[in-house]
Amino acid sequence: MGGSSQEHGGRLTTHVLDTATGKPASGLSIELFRLDGGDRRHLKTVVTNHDGRCDAPLLAGEEFRTGEYELVFSAGDYLRRQGVNLPEPAFLDIVPIRFGMSEARHYHVPLLVSPYGYSTYRGS
């Protein structure tokens, strides 16, 4: 399989689905951090597109390294922009997901979110 991203390491992708509406969560801000012992380093901030996805992988090629990471989803801001009347403080506002990537492969970390619950899994 010449020319695949596997030759240059893995990649990290995500997408967000709004389970209350059954639609992609468009315009949701996501921060990516790398965790190194006690160090938490901000790598980038992205915003989901109309399909609830990012326009490019969060990490790919030479940017990709195994290790521990954290995605921080600004779910409360997204829900408020959708007109959801959230209590103060909101039950879910910032949703952090910490995970490890142990090999140079494709890691897909989606978020399913509603005002009162969320879930994630390792997708494909």
Protein backbone atom coordinates (compact mmCIF):
# COMPACT_ATOMS: atom_id res chain seq x y z
CA MET A 1 0.00 0.00 0.00
CA GLY A 2 2.43 2.67 -1.11
CA GLY A 3 1.71 6.29 -0.32
CA SER A 4 -0.65 5.69 2.59
CA SER A 5 -0.53 7.82 5.72
CA GLN A 6 0.65 4.70 7.58
CA GLU A 7 4.14 5.19 6.12
CA HIS A 8 4.39 8.58 7.82
CA GLY A 9 2.74 7.65 11.08
CA GLY A 10 -0.86 7.70 12.19
CA ARG A 11 -3.56 10.29 12.24
CA LEU A 12 -6.11 11.62 14.70
CA THR A 13 -9.62 12.61 13.67
CA THR A 14 -12.86 13.45 15.45
CA HIS A 15 -16.45 14.38 14.75
CA VAL A 16 -19.34 15.54 16.91
CA LEU A 17 -22.97 14.48 16.68
CA ASP A 18 -25.77 16.26 18.54
CA THR A 19 -27.86 13.35 19.83
CA ALA A 20 -30.68 15.65 20.95
CA THR A 21 -31.33 16.71 17.35
CA GLY A 22 -29.83 13.75 15.50
CA LYS A 23 -27.64 16.10 13.45
CA PRO A 24 -23.94 16.91 13.14
CA ALA A 25 -22.73 19.55 15.61
CA SER A 26 -21.57 22.36 13.34
CA GLY A 27 -19.47 25.23 14.71
CA LEU A 28 -18.32 23.45 17.88
CA SER A 29 -14.87 24.51 19.12
CA ILE A 30 -12.36 21.77 20.03
CA GLU A 31 -8.97 22.20 21.68
CA LEU A 32 -6.24 19.56 21.39
CA PHE A 33 -3.61 19.11 24.11
CA ARG A 34 -0.64 16.76 24.44
CA LEU A 35 -0.02 15.43 27.95
CA ASP A 36 3.55 14.74 29.02
CA GLY A 37 3.83 13.82 32.69
CA GLY A 38 2.60 16.94 34.47
CA ASP A 39 2.85 19.06 31.32
CA ARG A 40 -0.31 19.85 29.31
CA ARG A 41 0.62 21.55 26.03
CA HIS A 42 -1.97 23.17 23.75
CA LEU A 43 -1.43 22.02 20.15
CA LYS A 44 -4.35 23.60 18.29
CA THR A 45 -7.94 24.77 18.33
CA VAL A 46 -10.33 23.80 15.54
CA VAL A 47 -14.03 24.27 14.80
CA THR A 48 -16.31 21.60 13.34
CA ASN A 49 -17.69 22.11 9.85
CA HIS A 50 -21.29 21.64 8.60
CA ASP A 51 -20.86 17.86 8.88
CA GLY A 52 -19.65 18.00 12.52
CA ARG A 53 -16.13 17.09 11.36
CA CYS A 54 -12.84 18.93 11.11
CA ASP A 55 -11.65 19.93 7.65
CA ALA A 56 -8.34 18.11 8.20
CA PRO A 57 -6.98 15.52 10.66
CA LEU A 58 -6.06 16.99 14.04
CA LEU A 59 -2.71 15.22 13.79
CA ALA A 60 -1.21 13.51 10.76
CA GLY A 61 2.11 12.68 9.16
CA GLU A 62 5.10 14.08 11.01
CA GLU A 63 2.83 15.93 13.50
CA PHE A 64 1.50 12.60 14.80
CA ARG A 65 3.24 11.08 17.82
CA THR A 66 2.11 8.33 20.15
CA GLY A 67 1.34 9.39 23.71
CA GLU A 68 -1.43 10.82 25.84
CA TYR A 69 -3.75 13.52 24.56
CA GLU A 70 -6.83 15.46 25.56
CA LEU A 71 -9.62 16.82 23.38
CA VAL A 72 -11.66 19.58 25.01
CA PHE A 73 -15.08 20.11 23.41
CA SER A 74 -16.93 23.41 24.05
CA ALA A 75 -20.32 21.70 24.19
CA GLY A 76 -22.10 24.36 26.27
CA ASP A 77 -21.24 27.18 23.87
CA TYR A 78 -22.45 25.06 20.95
CA LEU A 79 -25.73 24.14 22.70
CA ARG A 80 -26.43 27.76 23.68
CA ARG A 81 -25.95 28.84 20.05
CA GLN A 82 -28.53 26.20 19.08
CA GLY A 83 -31.05 27.93 21.34
CA VAL A 84 -30.96 25.29 24.08
CA ASN A 85 -32.01 26.84 27.39
CA LEU A 86 -29.29 25.51 29.70
CA PRO A 87 -29.38 26.00 33.47
CA GLU A 88 -26.61 28.04 35.13
CA PRO A 89 -24.27 26.37 35.61
CA ALA A 90 -24.93 23.96 32.74
CA PHE A 91 -24.80 20.26 33.52
CA LEU A 92 -22.34 19.84 30.62
CA ASP A 93 -20.32 22.81 29.44
CA ILE A 94 -16.74 21.77 28.74
CA VAL A 95 -16.30 18.07 27.84
CA PRO A 96 -12.70 16.82 28.17
CA ILE A 97 -11.72 13.43 26.78
CA ARG A 98 -8.29 12.04 27.68
CA PHE A 99 -6.97 9.12 25.68
CA GLY A 100 -3.76 7.38 24.67
CA MET A 101 -2.42 6.55 21.23
CA SER A 102 0.04 3.67 21.45
CA GLU A 103 0.76 2.98 17.78
CA ALA A 104 1.05 4.86 14.49
CA ARG A 105 -2.45 4.12 13.21
CA HIS A 106 -5.71 5.98 12.64
CA TYR A 107 -7.35 7.06 15.90
CA HIS A 108 -10.87 8.44 15.54
CA VAL A 109 -12.32 9.90 18.76
CA PRO A 110 -15.92 11.02 18.16
CA LEU A 111 -18.23 12.76 20.62
CA LEU A 112 -21.97 12.14 20.89
CA VAL A 113 -23.41 14.99 22.94
CA SER A 114 -26.70 16.32 24.32
CA PRO A 115 -27.42 18.80 27.13
CA TYR A 116 -27.40 16.03 29.76
CA GLY A 117 -25.08 13.33 28.48
CA TYR A 118 -22.21 12.40 26.20
CA SER A 119 -20.31 9.35 25.05
CA THR A 120 -17.22 8.56 23.05
CA TYR A 121 -15.47 5.50 21.65
CA ARG A 122 -12.55 4.62 19.44
CA GLY A 123 -14.02 4.81 15.98
CA SER A 124 -12.60 3.94 12.61
